[in-house]
PDB file of N, CA and C in Angstrom:
ATOM      1  N   MET A   1     214.124  72.598  85.011  1.00  0.00           N
ATOM      2  CA  MET A   1     214.545  71.453  84.322  1.00  0.00           C
ATOM      3  C   MET A   1     215.272  71.788  83.007  1.00  0.00           C
ATOM      4  N   ARG A   2     216.423  71.292  82.841  1.00  0.00           N
ATOM      5  CA  ARG A   2     217.181  71.475  81.619  1.00  0.00           C
ATOM      6  C   ARG A   2     216.365  70.529  80.510  1.00  0.00           C
ATOM      7  N   PRO A   3     216.519  71.228  79.143  1.00  0.00           N
ATOM      8  CA  PRO A   3     215.955  70.187  78.079  1.00  0.00           C
ATOM      9  C   PRO A   3     216.580  69.029  77.727  1.00  0.00           C
ATOM     10  N   TRP A   4     215.842  68.173  77.313  1.00  0.00           N
ATOM     11  CA  TRP A   4     216.356  66.870  76.749  1.00  0.00           C
ATOM     12  C   TRP A   4     216.776  66.976  75.272  1.00  0.00           C
ATOM     13  N   ILE A   5     217.750  66.446  74.910  1.00  0.00           N
ATOM     14  CA  ILE A   5     218.116  66.278  73.417  1.00  0.00           C
ATOM     15  C   ILE A   5     217.829  64.601  72.972  1.00  0.00           C
ATOM     16  N   VAL A   6     217.011  64.733  72.139  1.00  0.00           N
ATOM     17  CA  VAL A   6     216.493  63.319  71.913  1.00  0.00           C
ATOM     18  C   VAL A   6     217.365  62.714  70.468  1.00  0.00           C
ATOM     19  N   ASP A   7     217.878  61.820  70.547  1.00  0.00           N
ATOM     20  CA  ASP A   7     218.790  61.365  69.625  1.00  0.00           C
ATOM     21  C   ASP A   7     218.257  60.061  69.148  1.00  0.00           C
ATOM     22  N   THR A   8     217.373  60.023  68.007  1.00  0.00           N
ATOM     23  CA  THR A   8     216.585  58.820  67.706  1.00  0.00           C
ATOM     24  C   THR A   8     217.327  57.721  67.257  1.00  0.00           C
ATOM     25  N   GLY A   9     218.715  57.730  66.989  1.00  0.00           N
ATOM     26  CA  GLY A   9     219.412  56.810  66.518  1.00  0.00           C
ATOM     27  C   GLY A   9     220.293  56.105  67.925  1.00  0.00           C
ATOM     28  N   ALA A  10     220.065  56.913  69.040  1.00  0.00           N
ATOM     29  CA  ALA A  10     220.844  56.257  70.259  1.00  0.00           C
ATOM     30  C   ALA A  10     220.276  55.152  71.060  1.00  0.00           C
ATOM     31  N   SER A  11     221.146  54.160  71.490  1.00  0.00           N
ATOM     32  CA  SER A  11     220.416  53.069  72.255  1.00  0.00           C
ATOM     33  C   SER A  11     219.773  53.402  73.471  1.00  0.00           C
ATOM     34  N   ASP A  12     220.006  54.601  73.968  1.00  0.00           N
ATOM     35  CA  ASP A  12     219.228  54.910  75.341  1.00  0.00           C
ATOM     36  C   ASP A  12     218.975  56.437  75.142  1.00  0.00           C
ATOM     37  N   HIS A  13     217.797  57.049  76.043  1.00  0.00           N
ATOM     38  CA  HIS A  13     217.816  58.440  76.086  1.00  0.00           C
ATOM     39  C   HIS A  13     218.709  58.842  77.217  1.00  0.00           C
ATOM     40  N   MET A  14     219.545  60.044  76.910  1.00  0.00           N
ATOM     41  CA  MET A  14     220.571  60.370  78.020  1.00  0.00           C
ATOM     42  C   MET A  14     220.210  61.964  78.458  1.00  0.00           C
ATOM     43  N   THR A  15     220.824  62.087  79.340  1.00  0.00           N
ATOM     44  CA  THR A  15     220.984  63.299  80.044  1.00  0.00           C
ATOM     45  C   THR A  15     222.149  63.808  80.651  1.00  0.00           C
ATOM     46  N   GLY A  16     222.463  65.191  80.810  1.00  0.00           N
ATOM     47  CA  GLY A  16     223.730  65.440  81.471  1.00  0.00           C
ATOM     48  C   GLY A  16     223.482  66.055  82.858  1.00  0.00           C
ATOM     49  N   ASP A  17     222.250  65.602  83.433  1.00  0.00           N
ATOM     50  CA  ASP A  17     221.792  66.408  84.616  1.00  0.00           C
ATOM     51  C   ASP A  17     221.347  64.872  85.435  1.00  0.00           C
ATOM     52  N   ALA A  18     222.222  64.453  86.293  1.00  0.00           N
ATOM     53  CA  ALA A  18     222.056  63.101  87.016  1.00  0.00           C
ATOM     54  C   ALA A  18     221.059  63.335  88.141  1.00  0.00           C
ATOM     55  N   ALA A  19     220.690  64.863  88.503  1.00  0.00           N
ATOM     56  CA  ALA A  19     219.636  65.169  89.473  1.00  0.00           C
ATOM     57  C   ALA A  19     218.332  64.835  89.161  1.00  0.00           C
ATOM     58  N   ILE A  20     218.154  64.912  87.912  1.00  0.00           N
ATOM     59  CA  ILE A  20     216.789  64.508  87.527  1.00  0.00           C
ATOM     60  C   ILE A  20     216.347  63.002  87.420  1.00  0.00           C
ATOM     61  N   LEU A  21     217.298  62.141  87.899  1.00  0.00           N
ATOM     62  CA  LEU A  21     217.023  60.635  87.865  1.00  0.00           C
ATOM     63  C   LEU A  21     216.808  60.118  89.095  1.00  0.00           C
ATOM     64  N   GLN A  22     216.011  59.097  89.305  1.00  0.00           N
ATOM     65  CA  GLN A  22     215.726  58.446  90.550  1.00  0.00           C
ATOM     66  C   GLN A  22     216.521  56.986  90.395  1.00  0.00           C
ATOM     67  N   ASN A  23     216.768  56.501  91.450  1.00  0.00           N
ATOM     68  CA  ASN A  23     217.462  55.016  91.334  1.00  0.00           C
ATOM     69  C   ASN A  23     218.809  55.092  90.819  1.00  0.00           C
ATOM     70  N   TYR A  24     219.459  56.291  90.729  1.00  0.00           N
ATOM     71  CA  TYR A  24     220.718  56.397  90.180  1.00  0.00           C
ATOM     72  C   TYR A  24     221.659  55.657  90.629  1.00  0.00           C
ATOM     73  N   LYS A  25     222.570  54.860  89.664  1.00  0.00           N
ATOM     74  CA  LYS A  25     223.574  53.805  89.949  1.00  0.00           C
ATOM     75  C   LYS A  25     224.647  54.195  89.152  1.00  0.00           C
ATOM     76  N   PRO A  26     225.945  54.500  89.776  1.00  0.00           N
ATOM     77  CA  PRO A  26     227.014  54.614  89.060  1.00  0.00           C
ATOM     78  C   PRO A  26     227.489  53.404  88.067  1.00  0.00           C
ATOM     79  N   SER A  27     228.158  53.867  87.028  1.00  0.00           N
ATOM     80  CA  SER A  27     228.496  52.819  85.928  1.00  0.00           C
ATOM     81  C   SER A  27     229.651  52.312  86.614  1.00  0.00           C
ATOM     82  N   ASN A  28     229.801  50.938  86.113  1.00  0.00           N
ATOM     83  CA  ASN A  28     231.278  50.232  86.517  1.00  0.00           C
ATOM     84  C   ASN A  28     232.572  50.778  85.527  1.00  0.00           C
ATOM     85  N   GLY A  29     232.198  51.719  84.872  1.00  0.00           N
ATOM     86  CA  GLY A  29     233.479  52.092  84.045  1.00  0.00           C
ATOM     87  C   GLY A  29     233.357  51.384  82.612  1.00  0.00           C
ATOM     88  N   HIS A  30     232.650  50.233  82.464  1.00  0.00           N
ATOM     89  CA  HIS A  30     232.512  49.461  81.179  1.00  0.00           C
ATOM     90  C   HIS A  30     231.328  49.936  80.299  1.00  0.00           C
ATOM     91  N   SER A  31     230.316  50.480  80.475  1.00  0.00           N
ATOM     92  CA  SER A  31     229.298  50.651  80.019  1.00  0.00           C
ATOM     93  C   SER A  31     229.216  51.756  79.237  1.00  0.00           C
ATOM     94  N   SER A  32     228.593  51.686  77.964  1.00  0.00           N
ATOM     95  CA  SER A  32     228.664  52.820  76.998  1.00  0.00           C
ATOM     96  C   SER A  32     227.272  52.818  76.176  1.00  0.00           C
ATOM     97  N   VAL A  33     226.901  53.709  75.602  1.00  0.00           N
ATOM     98  CA  VAL A  33     225.895  53.923  74.740  1.00  0.00           C
ATOM     99  C   VAL A  33     226.482  54.196  73.082  1.00  0.00           C
ATOM    100  N   HIS A  34     225.550  53.654  72.381  1.00  0.00           N
ATOM    101  CA  HIS A  34     225.854  54.044  70.940  1.00  0.00           C
ATOM    102  C   HIS A  34     225.355  55.243  70.427  1.00  0.00           C
ATOM    103  N   ILE A  35     226.044  56.149  69.727  1.00  0.00           N
ATOM    104  CA  ILE A  35     225.287  57.450  69.176  1.00  0.00           C
ATOM    105  C   ILE A  35     225.080  57.369  67.777  1.00  0.00           C
ATOM    106  N   ALA A  36     224.182  58.081  67.408  1.00  0.00           N
ATOM    107  CA  ALA A  36     223.637  57.921  66.036  1.00  0.00           C
ATOM    108  C   ALA A  36     224.759  57.809  64.774  1.00  0.00           C
ATOM    109  N   ASP A  37     225.837  58.353  65.235  1.00  0.00           N
ATOM    110  CA  ASP A  37     226.909  58.539  64.017  1.00  0.00           C
ATOM    111  C   ASP A  37     227.880  57.146  64.175  1.00  0.00           C
ATOM    112  N   GLY A  38     227.434  56.226  64.868  1.00  0.00           N
ATOM    113  CA  GLY A  38     228.119  55.053  65.323  1.00  0.00           C
ATOM    114  C   GLY A  38     229.052  54.825  66.184  1.00  0.00           C
ATOM    115  N   SER A  39     229.358  56.104  66.762  1.00  0.00           N
ATOM    116  CA  SER A  39     230.356  56.127  67.765  1.00  0.00           C
ATOM    117  C   SER A  39     229.844  55.619  68.988  1.00  0.00           C
ATOM    118  N   LYS A  40     230.715  55.322  70.108  1.00  0.00           N
ATOM    119  CA  LYS A  40     230.183  54.947  71.586  1.00  0.00           C
ATOM    120  C   LYS A  40     230.721  56.082  72.434  1.00  0.00           C
ATOM    121  N   SER A  41     229.932  56.069  73.518  1.00  0.00           N
ATOM    122  CA  SER A  41     230.314  57.219  74.474  1.00  0.00           C
ATOM    123  C   SER A  41     229.989  56.282  75.752  1.00  0.00           C
ATOM    124  N   LYS A  42     231.046  56.479  76.732  1.00  0.00           N
ATOM    125  CA  LYS A  42     231.012  55.912  78.190  1.00  0.00           C
ATOM    126  C   LYS A  42     229.844  56.644  78.854  1.00  0.00           C
ATOM    127  N   ILE A  43     229.295  55.941  79.741  1.00  0.00           N
ATOM    128  CA  ILE A  43     228.293  56.660  80.777  1.00  0.00           C
ATOM    129  C   ILE A  43     228.907  56.744  82.136  1.00  0.00           C
ATOM    130  N   ALA A  44     228.201  57.487  82.864  1.00  0.00           N
ATOM    131  CA  ALA A  44     228.652  57.950  84.398  1.00  0.00           C
ATOM    132  C   ALA A  44     227.729  57.083  85.195  1.00  0.00           C
ATOM    133  N   GLY A  45     226.461  56.624  84.753  1.00  0.00           N
ATOM    134  CA  GLY A  45     225.637  55.976  85.542  1.00  0.00           C
ATOM    135  C   GLY A  45     224.291  55.733  84.808  1.00  0.00           C
ATOM    136  N   THR A  46     223.474  55.113  85.583  1.00  0.00           N
ATOM    137  CA  THR A  46     221.936  55.187  84.990  1.00  0.00           C
ATOM    138  C   THR A  46     220.946  55.272  85.951  1.00  0.00           C
ATOM    139  N   GLY A  47     219.742  55.376  85.648  1.00  0.00           N
ATOM    140  CA  GLY A  47     218.566  55.801  86.212  1.00  0.00           C
ATOM    141  C   GLY A  47     217.411  56.164  85.828  1.00  0.00           C
ATOM    142  N   LEU A  48     216.253  56.387  86.654  1.00  0.00           N
ATOM    143  CA  LEU A  48     215.058  56.603  85.749  1.00  0.00           C
ATOM    144  C   LEU A  48     214.705  58.045  85.741  1.00  0.00           C
ATOM    145  N   GLU A  49     213.788  58.614  84.801  1.00  0.00           N
ATOM    146  CA  GLU A  49     213.575  59.965  84.855  1.00  0.00           C
ATOM    147  C   GLU A  49     212.650  60.320  86.054  1.00  0.00           C
ATOM    148  N   ILE A  50     212.819  61.339  86.654  1.00  0.00           N
ATOM    149  CA  ILE A  50     212.001  61.854  87.580  1.00  0.00           C
ATOM    150  C   ILE A  50     210.908  62.721  86.952  1.00  0.00           C
ATOM    151  N   GLY A  51     209.618  62.521  87.017  1.00  0.00           N
ATOM    152  CA  GLY A  51     208.602  63.372  86.623  1.00  0.00           C
ATOM    153  C   GLY A  51     207.639  62.819  85.304  1.00  0.00           C
ATOM    154  N   GLU A  52     207.112  63.510  84.646  1.00  0.00           N
ATOM    155  CA  GLU A  52     206.041  62.993  83.796  1.00  0.00           C
ATOM    156  C   GLU A  52     206.763  62.411  82.333  1.00  0.00           C
ATOM    157  N   ASP A  53     206.010  61.559  81.703  1.00  0.00           N
ATOM    158  CA  ASP A  53     206.539  61.174  80.453  1.00  0.00           C
ATOM    159  C   ASP A  53     205.800  62.183  79.327  1.00  0.00           C
ATOM    160  N   ASP A  54     206.137  63.465  79.379  1.00  0.00           N
ATOM    161  CA  ASP A  54     205.567  64.391  78.384  1.00  0.00           C
ATOM    162  C   ASP A  54     206.411  64.862  77.376  1.00  0.00           C
ATOM    163  N   TRP A  55     206.711  63.613  76.277  1.00  0.00           N
ATOM    164  CA  TRP A  55     207.435  64.205  75.426  1.00  0.00           C
ATOM    165  C   TRP A  55     206.960  64.680  74.194  1.00  0.00           C
ATOM    166  N   GLN A  56     207.377  65.814  73.720  1.00  0.00           N
ATOM    167  CA  GLN A  56     206.973  66.568  72.620  1.00  0.00           C
ATOM    168  C   GLN A  56     208.151  66.648  71.739  1.00  0.00           C
ATOM    169  N   CYS A  57     207.667  65.914  70.459  1.00  0.00           N
ATOM    170  CA  CYS A  57     208.659  65.770  69.487  1.00  0.00           C
ATOM    171  C   CYS A  57     208.294  66.649  68.336  1.00  0.00           C
TER     172      CYS A  57
END
C-alpha cells in the first residue's frame, strides 16, 4: 500500500491510488477539494478507504 499524505488544511483526505478505495464513484467533473494553501483541485472520484483506520500522525 502506498503511503497517505495527510493535509490537515484539506477539506477531505485524498489518495492518488483509486485501487485502495471501495465504492468508488467517478466525479461528474465539477467536484473539487480545497488545499491548505487556499487553492482548489479537481477530483477524479470518491470512495471509502479499504482497510483499517490505523492513522499514525
